[in-house]
Protein backbone atom coordinates (compact mmCIF):
# COMPACT_ATOMS: atom_id res chain seq x y z
CA MET A 1 15.62 -15.03 7.26
CA VAL A 2 12.77 -13.13 8.89
CA PRO A 3 9.35 -12.91 7.21
CA GLN A 4 10.01 -9.36 5.99
CA HIS A 5 13.10 -10.47 4.13
CA ALA A 6 11.35 -13.53 2.72
CA SER A 7 8.48 -11.36 1.47
CA GLU A 8 11.01 -9.00 -0.08
CA VAL A 9 12.51 -11.93 -2.01
CA VAL A 10 9.05 -12.92 -3.25
CA ALA A 11 8.04 -9.35 -4.16
CA THR A 12 11.30 -8.67 -6.03
CA ALA A 13 11.21 -12.01 -7.85
CA GLY A 14 7.62 -11.38 -8.91
CA LEU A 15 8.43 -7.92 -10.18
CA VAL A 16 11.46 -9.08 -12.17
CA TRP A 17 9.45 -11.99 -13.60
CA LEU A 18 6.64 -9.63 -14.60
CA VAL A 19 8.84 -7.05 -16.33
CA PHE A 20 11.00 -9.51 -18.25
CA GLY A 21 8.02 -11.77 -18.97
CA LEU A 22 6.08 -8.91 -20.53
CA ALA A 23 9.08 -8.03 -22.68
CA ARG A 24 9.58 -11.64 -23.79
CA ALA A 25 5.89 -12.07 -24.55
CA GLY A 26 5.80 -8.92 -26.66
CA ARG A 27 3.45 -7.17 -24.25
CA ALA A 28 5.76 -4.47 -22.88
CA HIS A 29 3.04 -1.88 -23.54
CA LEU A 30 1.18 -3.32 -20.53
CA ALA A 31 4.14 -2.76 -18.18
CA PRO A 32 3.07 0.59 -16.68
CA LEU A 33 -0.31 -0.71 -15.54
CA LEU A 34 0.86 -4.16 -14.46
CA VAL A 35 4.01 -3.01 -12.66
CA ALA A 36 2.00 -0.42 -10.74
CA SER A 37 -0.54 -3.09 -9.87
CA CYS A 38 2.19 -5.52 -8.78
CA ILE A 39 3.88 -2.93 -6.57
CA GLY A 40 0.54 -1.87 -5.11
CA ALA A 41 -0.42 -5.44 -4.31
CA ALA A 42 3.00 -6.22 -2.85
CA TYR A 43 2.82 -3.05 -0.76
CA TRP A 44 -0.47 -4.11 0.82
CA PHE A 45 0.02 -7.87 0.98
CA THR A 46 3.67 -8.40 2.00
CA SER A 47 5.09 -7.79 5.43
CA SER A 48 7.97 -5.74 3.99
CA THR A 49 5.65 -3.38 2.04
CA SER A 50 7.76 -4.31 -0.99
CA PHE A 51 10.71 -2.02 -1.36
CA ALA A 52 11.69 -4.09 -4.44
CA ASP A 53 14.32 -1.57 -5.53
CA PRO A 54 17.67 -0.85 -3.85
CA ALA A 55 17.24 2.90 -4.38
CA VAL A 56 13.86 2.81 -2.64
CA THR A 57 15.33 0.76 0.19
CA ILE A 58 18.13 3.25 0.76
CA GLY A 59 15.72 6.18 0.45
CA ARG A 60 13.34 4.68 3.00
CA ALA A 61 16.20 4.45 5.49
CA PHE A 62 16.19 8.26 5.52
CA THR A 63 12.43 8.63 6.08
CA ASP A 64 10.58 8.87 9.35
CA THR A 65 7.32 7.18 8.32
CA PHE A 66 5.62 3.87 8.99
CA ALA A 67 7.13 2.55 5.74
CA GLY A 68 10.68 3.58 6.64
CA ILE A 69 13.34 1.17 7.84
CA ALA A 70 16.27 1.43 10.21
CA PRO A 71 19.61 2.06 8.47
CA THR A 72 20.96 -1.17 9.99
CA SER A 73 18.21 -3.10 8.16
CA VAL A 74 19.30 -1.88 4.71
CA PRO A 75 21.98 -4.54 4.01
CA PRO A 76 19.67 -7.53 4.73
CA PHE A 77 16.96 -6.00 2.54
CA LEU A 78 19.46 -5.40 -0.27
CA ALA A 79 20.59 -9.03 0.04
CA ALA A 80 16.95 -10.18 -0.10
CA GLN A 81 16.40 -8.07 -3.23
CA LEU A 82 19.47 -9.57 -4.89
CA ILE A 83 18.24 -13.08 -4.10
CA GLY A 84 14.78 -12.12 -5.39
CA ALA A 85 16.22 -10.67 -8.60
CA LEU A 86 18.17 -13.87 -9.27
CA ALA A 87 15.10 -15.98 -8.49
CA GLY A 88 13.01 -13.80 -10.82
CA LEU A 89 15.52 -14.22 -13.63
CA GLY A 90 15.47 -17.98 -13.04
CA LEU A 91 11.67 -17.94 -13.29
CA VAL A 92 11.88 -15.98 -16.53
CA ALA A 93 14.24 -18.58 -17.98
CA VAL A 94 11.96 -21.42 -16.90
CA CYS A 95 8.71 -19.80 -18.03
CA PHE A 96 9.82 -18.04 -21.22
CA GLY A 97 13.04 -19.77 -22.27
CA ARG A 98 16.13 -17.98 -23.40
CA PRO A 99 15.86 -15.01 -25.75
CA ALA A 100 16.39 -15.75 -29.43
CA ALA A 101 19.77 -14.83 -30.86
CA ALA A 102 19.81 -12.13 -33.52
CA GLY A 103 18.60 -13.55 -36.81
CA GLU A 104 17.52 -16.85 -35.24
CA ASP A 105 13.88 -15.80 -34.95
CA GLU A 106 13.45 -14.54 -38.50
CA ALA A 107 11.68 -16.47 -41.23
CA ALA A 108 13.27 -16.98 -44.62
CA ASP A 109 12.38 -14.22 -47.10
CA PRO A 110 11.91 -15.67 -50.60
CA PHE A 111 12.01 -12.20 -52.16
CA GLY A 112 15.31 -11.14 -50.58
CA GLY A 113 13.77 -8.14 -48.82
CA GLN A 114 12.00 -6.88 -51.94
CA GLN A 115 8.28 -7.15 -52.45
CA PRO A 116 6.93 -8.51 -55.74
CA ALA A 117 5.26 -5.94 -57.95
CA ALA A 118 1.52 -5.70 -57.56
CA ARG A 119 -0.45 -6.93 -60.53
CA SER A 120 -3.16 -4.79 -62.00
CA ALA A 121 -6.71 -6.02 -62.44
CA GLU A 122 -6.16 -6.30 -66.22
CA GLU A 123 -3.10 -8.52 -65.74
CA CYS A 124 -5.05 -10.78 -63.44
CA VAL A 125 -7.88 -11.14 -65.95
CA LEU A 126 -5.52 -11.66 -68.94
CA SER A 127 -3.50 -14.31 -67.16
CA ARG A 128 -6.52 -16.60 -66.85
């Protein structure tokens, strides 16, 4: 695997880990800023300029810019992205564990979904 493909694996794994990690940690509201930052950093600091998305990879095959790629390079980049996605999902499982099953994460509710009636100030004083 050439350095560009290896950097594509790393960039894709990092992006998948970031997105799923934010969701698992309950911080999905930070995704727009952090995903943009991750892509920007990967663009500047990886040799592949981080395509990180199969649609972007295919689209760049049709461009005539410094960030474009030859159509014959698309399949290896797609394979690198698939490997990166699987590695990212593995990192998510290691770092954040598996997602809780429905109902498994909920605490017992002693009131059965109903809230107790609020007591007035007079009731509080009289009950002393």
